[in-house]
Structure formats: C-alpha cells, structure tokens
Amino acid sequence: MAHYLCQASYTSGSWANQIKDPQNRIEQVGKMFASKGVKFISGYYSFGEFDLCLIVEGPDNVSTASALIAAAAGGAISKIQTTVLMTPEEGLEAIKGAASVEYRPPGS
C-alpha cells in the first residue's frame, strides 16, 4: 500500500458554512475515502498555503486519485495537492537503485 500526503485549501464559502455549522470534516473525509479502500492515517488543520493536511494509505494511485477527485468535486476545496510518500526503506532502496542508472549530462 502506498502512502500519500494530501494538502487542500477550503473555499471562502466552505469556511463560512463551517463557521455556521462546525463539524469535523477531516473525520468525514476519512470515511468517504474508505469507500475506495483508502485508509485515513492522520489529518490536521494547517495554517499557510493549505488549510488541511492528510496522510492516507491507498491500494494504488487510481483508487487514491478517485477518492481525492470525489472530494474536490464537492466544491468545498479550492486547491488540492498530493505527494506520494516513501518509507525510509523505500527511499534507501531507490537511492541504491540509482547507482545502476547510467546518466550523461546534456552536451557530454
């Protein structure tokens, strides 16, 4: 299973609705993701460029993308960014694998 960092920003209308009727939207999104086999690991509200930060585990890119597209299609999110995460072991394997790749800089 792959891990993903999902960051999103709410629309001003979404913030207004949440002020009127406060809810744990992170928890609700986690339940929606489960319908695509995407496991919610953790979630946070954040300040800065993004309003939400979620860590999820998905069976594959397509299932995870489907869940994210469905969340974005609801109209509450103005921006979404997803980053594929690797465990330290996967990162080390990738670094070791780079040794067998032949690379020539342009012009060499």
N, C-alpha and C. Protein backbone atom coordinates (compact mmCIF):
# COMPACT_ATOMS: atom_id res chain seq x y z
N MET A 1 0.85 -1.18 0.00
CA MET A 1 0.00 0.00 0.00
C MET A 1 0.89 1.25 0.00
N ALA A 2 0.52 2.20 -0.81
CA ALA A 2 1.28 3.45 -0.92
C ALA A 2 0.74 4.48 0.06
N HIS A 3 1.62 5.38 0.49
CA HIS A 3 1.24 6.46 1.39
C HIS A 3 1.27 7.78 0.62
N TYR A 4 0.36 8.68 0.99
CA TYR A 4 0.22 9.95 0.30
C TYR A 4 0.04 11.08 1.31
N LEU A 5 0.64 12.22 1.01
CA LEU A 5 0.39 13.46 1.73
C LEU A 5 -0.58 14.25 0.86
N CYS A 6 -1.74 14.55 1.39
CA CYS A 6 -2.76 15.30 0.65
C CYS A 6 -2.96 16.64 1.36
N GLN A 7 -2.78 17.72 0.62
CA GLN A 7 -2.97 19.05 1.16
C GLN A 7 -4.07 19.74 0.37
N ALA A 8 -4.93 20.47 1.08
CA ALA A 8 -6.05 21.11 0.41
C ALA A 8 -6.36 22.46 1.05
N SER A 9 -6.98 23.31 0.27
CA SER A 9 -7.44 24.62 0.74
C SER A 9 -8.95 24.70 0.57
N TYR A 10 -9.63 25.25 1.57
CA TYR A 10 -11.07 25.44 1.50
C TYR A 10 -11.41 26.71 0.73
N THR A 11 -12.58 26.74 0.12
CA THR A 11 -13.10 27.97 -0.46
C THR A 11 -13.60 28.86 0.67
N SER A 12 -13.80 30.14 0.40
CA SER A 12 -14.33 31.03 1.43
C SER A 12 -15.75 30.61 1.82
N GLY A 13 -16.51 30.12 0.84
CA GLY A 13 -17.87 29.64 1.14
C GLY A 13 -17.86 28.44 2.07
N SER A 14 -16.90 27.57 1.88
CA SER A 14 -16.78 26.40 2.75
C SER A 14 -16.45 26.81 4.18
N TRP A 15 -15.54 27.77 4.33
CA TRP A 15 -15.23 28.27 5.67
C TRP A 15 -16.47 28.89 6.31
N ALA A 16 -17.23 29.66 5.53
CA ALA A 16 -18.45 30.30 6.07
C ALA A 16 -19.44 29.24 6.54
N ASN A 17 -19.62 28.18 5.76
CA ASN A 17 -20.53 27.10 6.15
C ASN A 17 -20.05 26.40 7.42
N GLN A 18 -18.75 26.22 7.54
CA GLN A 18 -18.21 25.55 8.72
C GLN A 18 -18.34 26.42 9.97
N ILE A 19 -18.25 27.73 9.80
CA ILE A 19 -18.45 28.63 10.94
C ILE A 19 -19.90 28.54 11.42
N LYS A 20 -20.84 28.47 10.48
CA LYS A 20 -22.26 28.35 10.83
C LYS A 20 -22.58 27.01 11.48
N ASP A 21 -21.94 25.94 10.99
CA ASP A 21 -22.22 24.59 11.47
C ASP A 21 -20.91 23.81 11.62
N PRO A 22 -20.17 24.06 12.70
CA PRO A 22 -18.87 23.40 12.87
C PRO A 22 -18.98 21.87 12.89
N GLN A 23 -18.12 21.23 12.11
CA GLN A 23 -18.08 19.77 12.02
C GLN A 23 -16.63 19.34 11.84
N ASN A 24 -16.34 18.11 12.22
CA ASN A 24 -15.02 17.54 11.97
C ASN A 24 -15.01 17.01 10.54
N ARG A 25 -14.70 17.87 9.60
CA ARG A 25 -14.71 17.49 8.18
C ARG A 25 -13.59 16.49 7.87
N ILE A 26 -12.49 16.58 8.58
CA ILE A 26 -11.38 15.65 8.35
C ILE A 26 -11.85 14.22 8.60
N GLU A 27 -12.59 14.03 9.69
CA GLU A 27 -13.11 12.70 10.01
C GLU A 27 -14.08 12.22 8.93
N GLN A 28 -14.94 13.11 8.45
CA GLN A 28 -15.92 12.74 7.43
C GLN A 28 -15.25 12.39 6.10
N VAL A 29 -14.21 13.13 5.74
CA VAL A 29 -13.47 12.83 4.51
C VAL A 29 -12.81 11.46 4.63
N GLY A 30 -12.28 11.16 5.81
CA GLY A 30 -11.68 9.84 6.04
C GLY A 30 -12.66 8.72 5.79
N LYS A 31 -13.90 8.89 6.22
CA LYS A 31 -14.94 7.87 5.99
C LYS A 31 -15.23 7.74 4.50
N MET A 32 -15.27 8.86 3.78
CA MET A 32 -15.52 8.82 2.34
C MET A 32 -14.39 8.08 1.62
N PHE A 33 -13.15 8.36 2.01
CA PHE A 33 -12.00 7.70 1.38
C PHE A 33 -12.07 6.19 1.56
N ALA A 34 -12.58 5.73 2.69
CA ALA A 34 -12.64 4.29 2.97
C ALA A 34 -13.46 3.55 1.92
N SER A 35 -14.42 4.23 1.30
CA SER A 35 -15.24 3.57 0.28
C SER A 35 -14.42 3.18 -0.95
N LYS A 36 -13.24 3.78 -1.12
CA LYS A 36 -12.34 3.43 -2.23
C LYS A 36 -11.15 2.61 -1.75
N GLY A 37 -11.21 2.14 -0.51
CA GLY A 37 -10.12 1.34 0.03
C GLY A 37 -8.93 2.16 0.48
N VAL A 38 -9.14 3.46 0.64
CA VAL A 38 -8.07 4.37 1.07
C VAL A 38 -8.20 4.57 2.58
N LYS A 39 -7.16 4.22 3.30
CA LYS A 39 -7.17 4.28 4.76
C LYS A 39 -6.65 5.63 5.24
N PHE A 40 -7.43 6.27 6.08
CA PHE A 40 -7.08 7.55 6.67
C PHE A 40 -6.09 7.29 7.82
N ILE A 41 -4.88 7.83 7.73
CA ILE A 41 -3.86 7.64 8.77
C ILE A 41 -3.92 8.77 9.79
N SER A 42 -3.85 10.01 9.33
CA SER A 42 -3.95 11.16 10.23
C SER A 42 -4.33 12.40 9.43
N GLY A 43 -4.84 13.38 10.12
CA GLY A 43 -5.23 14.61 9.46
C GLY A 43 -5.10 15.80 10.40
N TYR A 44 -4.80 16.94 9.82
CA TYR A 44 -4.58 18.15 10.60
C TYR A 44 -5.13 19.36 9.85
N TYR A 45 -5.62 20.33 10.61
CA TYR A 45 -5.85 21.65 10.04
C TYR A 45 -4.48 22.32 10.03
N SER A 46 -4.25 23.17 9.05
CA SER A 46 -2.94 23.82 8.95
C SER A 46 -3.12 25.29 8.58
N PHE A 47 -2.10 26.05 8.85
CA PHE A 47 -2.08 27.47 8.52
C PHE A 47 -1.02 27.70 7.45
N GLY A 48 -1.30 28.58 6.53
CA GLY A 48 -0.35 28.86 5.46
C GLY A 48 -1.00 28.62 4.12
N GLU A 49 -0.25 28.05 3.21
CA GLU A 49 -0.74 27.84 1.84
C GLU A 49 -1.94 26.89 1.79
N PHE A 50 -1.97 25.90 2.68
CA PHE A 50 -3.05 24.92 2.70
C PHE A 50 -3.76 24.94 4.05
N ASP A 51 -5.05 24.58 4.03
CA ASP A 51 -5.87 24.56 5.24
C ASP A 51 -5.94 23.18 5.89
N LEU A 52 -5.69 22.15 5.11
CA LEU A 52 -5.75 20.77 5.59
C LEU A 52 -4.53 20.00 5.16
N CYS A 53 -4.13 19.06 5.99
CA CYS A 53 -3.02 18.16 5.66
C CYS A 53 -3.45 16.77 6.10
N LEU A 54 -3.52 15.83 5.16
CA LEU A 54 -3.94 14.47 5.45
C LEU A 54 -2.85 13.49 5.05
N ILE A 55 -2.68 12.45 5.82
CA ILE A 55 -1.82 11.33 5.45
C ILE A 55 -2.75 10.15 5.25
N VAL A 56 -2.72 9.57 4.06
CA VAL A 56 -3.58 8.43 3.75
C VAL A 56 -2.75 7.29 3.17
N GLU A 57 -3.31 6.11 3.23
CA GLU A 57 -2.68 4.92 2.66
C GLU A 57 -3.67 4.32 1.66
N GLY A 58 -3.25 4.19 0.41
CA GLY A 58 -4.14 3.70 -0.62
C GLY A 58 -3.61 2.45 -1.30
N PRO A 59 -4.51 1.65 -1.85
CA PRO A 59 -4.09 0.42 -2.52
C PRO A 59 -3.32 0.69 -3.81
N ASP A 60 -3.59 1.83 -4.44
CA ASP A 60 -2.93 2.17 -5.70
C ASP A 60 -3.23 3.64 -6.03
N ASN A 61 -2.53 4.16 -7.02
CA ASN A 61 -2.71 5.57 -7.40
C ASN A 61 -4.11 5.87 -7.89
N VAL A 62 -4.70 4.95 -8.66
CA VAL A 62 -6.03 5.20 -9.24
C VAL A 62 -7.09 5.30 -8.15
N SER A 63 -7.09 4.38 -7.20
CA SER A 63 -8.07 4.42 -6.11
C SER A 63 -7.92 5.68 -5.28
N THR A 64 -6.69 6.04 -4.97
CA THR A 64 -6.45 7.23 -4.17
C THR A 64 -6.86 8.48 -4.94
N ALA A 65 -6.50 8.55 -6.22
CA ALA A 65 -6.90 9.70 -7.04
C ALA A 65 -8.41 9.81 -7.14
N SER A 66 -9.10 8.68 -7.26
CA SER A 66 -10.57 8.69 -7.34
C SER A 66 -11.18 9.31 -6.08
N ALA A 67 -10.66 8.93 -4.91
CA ALA A 67 -11.16 9.49 -3.66
C ALA A 67 -10.90 11.00 -3.59
N LEU A 68 -9.72 11.43 -4.01
CA LEU A 68 -9.37 12.85 -3.98
C LEU A 68 -10.20 13.65 -4.98
N ILE A 69 -10.43 13.10 -6.15
CA ILE A 69 -11.25 13.78 -7.16
C ILE A 69 -12.67 13.95 -6.65
N ALA A 70 -13.21 12.91 -6.00
CA ALA A 70 -14.56 12.99 -5.44
C ALA A 70 -14.63 14.08 -4.38
N ALA A 71 -13.60 14.17 -3.54
CA ALA A 71 -13.57 15.21 -2.50
C ALA A 71 -13.51 16.60 -3.15
N ALA A 72 -12.69 16.75 -4.17
CA ALA A 72 -12.56 18.05 -4.84
C ALA A 72 -13.83 18.43 -5.59
N ALA A 73 -14.54 17.45 -6.11
CA ALA A 73 -15.74 17.72 -6.91
C ALA A 73 -16.89 18.27 -6.07
N GLY A 74 -16.81 18.13 -4.76
CA GLY A 74 -17.87 18.63 -3.90
C GLY A 74 -17.96 20.15 -3.85
N GLY A 75 -16.92 20.84 -4.30
CA GLY A 75 -16.96 22.30 -4.37
C GLY A 75 -16.45 23.01 -3.13
N ALA A 76 -16.10 22.29 -2.08
CA ALA A 76 -15.63 22.93 -0.85
C ALA A 76 -14.14 23.24 -0.88
N ILE A 77 -13.44 22.64 -1.83
CA ILE A 77 -11.98 22.78 -1.90
C ILE A 77 -11.60 23.63 -3.10
N SER A 78 -10.71 24.60 -2.88
CA SER A 78 -10.27 25.44 -3.99
C SER A 78 -8.96 24.98 -4.60
N LYS A 79 -8.18 24.21 -3.82
CA LYS A 79 -6.87 23.77 -4.30
C LYS A 79 -6.54 22.46 -3.59
N ILE A 80 -5.94 21.53 -4.33
CA ILE A 80 -5.53 20.26 -3.73
C ILE A 80 -4.18 19.86 -4.31
N GLN A 81 -3.32 19.32 -3.47
CA GLN A 81 -2.00 18.86 -3.90
C GLN A 81 -1.72 17.53 -3.22
N THR A 82 -1.22 16.58 -3.98
CA THR A 82 -0.92 15.25 -3.45
C THR A 82 0.54 14.92 -3.71
N THR A 83 1.19 14.37 -2.70
CA THR A 83 2.58 13.94 -2.80
C THR A 83 2.66 12.48 -2.42
N VAL A 84 3.26 11.66 -3.28
CA VAL A 84 3.49 10.26 -2.94
C VAL A 84 4.62 10.20 -1.93
N LEU A 85 4.42 9.44 -0.87
CA LEU A 85 5.43 9.31 0.19
C LEU A 85 6.10 7.95 0.11
N MET A 86 7.36 7.90 0.52
CA MET A 86 8.08 6.63 0.60
C MET A 86 8.55 6.41 2.03
N THR A 87 8.54 5.17 2.46
CA THR A 87 9.10 4.84 3.76
C THR A 87 10.62 5.03 3.69
N PRO A 88 11.29 5.11 4.83
CA PRO A 88 12.76 5.20 4.79
C PRO A 88 13.38 4.02 4.03
N GLU A 89 12.81 2.85 4.18
CA GLU A 89 13.33 1.68 3.47
C GLU A 89 13.17 1.82 1.96
N GLU A 90 12.02 2.32 1.53
CA GLU A 90 11.80 2.53 0.09
C GLU A 90 12.75 3.59 -0.45
N GLY A 91 12.94 4.66 0.32
CA GLY A 91 13.86 5.71 -0.11
C GLY A 91 15.28 5.20 -0.25
N LEU A 92 15.72 4.38 0.70
CA LEU A 92 17.06 3.80 0.65
C LEU A 92 17.20 2.87 -0.56
N GLU A 93 16.15 2.09 -0.82
CA GLU A 93 16.16 1.20 -1.98
C GLU A 93 16.27 2.01 -3.28
N ALA A 94 15.55 3.13 -3.35
CA ALA A 94 15.62 4.00 -4.53
C ALA A 94 17.02 4.60 -4.69
N ILE A 95 17.61 5.02 -3.59
CA ILE A 95 18.96 5.59 -3.64
C ILE A 95 19.96 4.54 -4.13
N LYS A 96 19.86 3.34 -3.58
CA LYS A 96 20.76 2.26 -4.02
C LYS A 96 20.53 1.92 -5.49
N GLY A 97 19.26 1.93 -5.92
CA GLY A 97 18.94 1.62 -7.31
C GLY A 97 19.49 2.65 -8.28
N ALA A 98 19.67 3.88 -7.81
CA ALA A 98 20.20 4.94 -8.67
C ALA A 98 21.63 4.65 -9.11
N ALA A 99 22.35 3.84 -8.34
CA ALA A 99 23.74 3.51 -8.69
C ALA A 99 23.84 2.74 -10.00
N SER A 100 22.79 2.03 -10.37
CA SER A 100 22.84 1.23 -11.60
C SER A 100 22.29 1.98 -12.81
N VAL A 101 21.92 3.23 -12.64
CA VAL A 101 21.39 4.03 -13.74
C VAL A 101 22.53 4.82 -14.38
N GLU A 102 22.68 4.70 -15.69
CA GLU A 102 23.69 5.48 -16.40
C GLU A 102 23.09 6.81 -16.82
N TYR A 103 23.76 7.88 -16.46
CA TYR A 103 23.28 9.22 -16.79
C TYR A 103 24.40 10.01 -17.43
N ARG A 104 24.06 10.70 -18.51
CA ARG A 104 25.00 11.61 -19.16
C ARG A 104 24.37 12.99 -19.20
N PRO A 105 25.04 13.98 -18.63
CA PRO A 105 24.50 15.34 -18.68
C PRO A 105 24.42 15.82 -20.13
N PRO A 106 23.49 16.73 -20.43
CA PRO A 106 23.40 17.27 -21.78
C PRO A 106 24.75 17.85 -22.22
N GLY A 107 25.11 17.60 -23.45
CA GLY A 107 26.34 18.13 -24.01
C GLY A 107 27.58 17.32 -23.70
N SER A 108 27.42 16.19 -23.03
CA SER A 108 28.62 15.40 -22.72
C SER A 108 28.80 14.27 -23.71
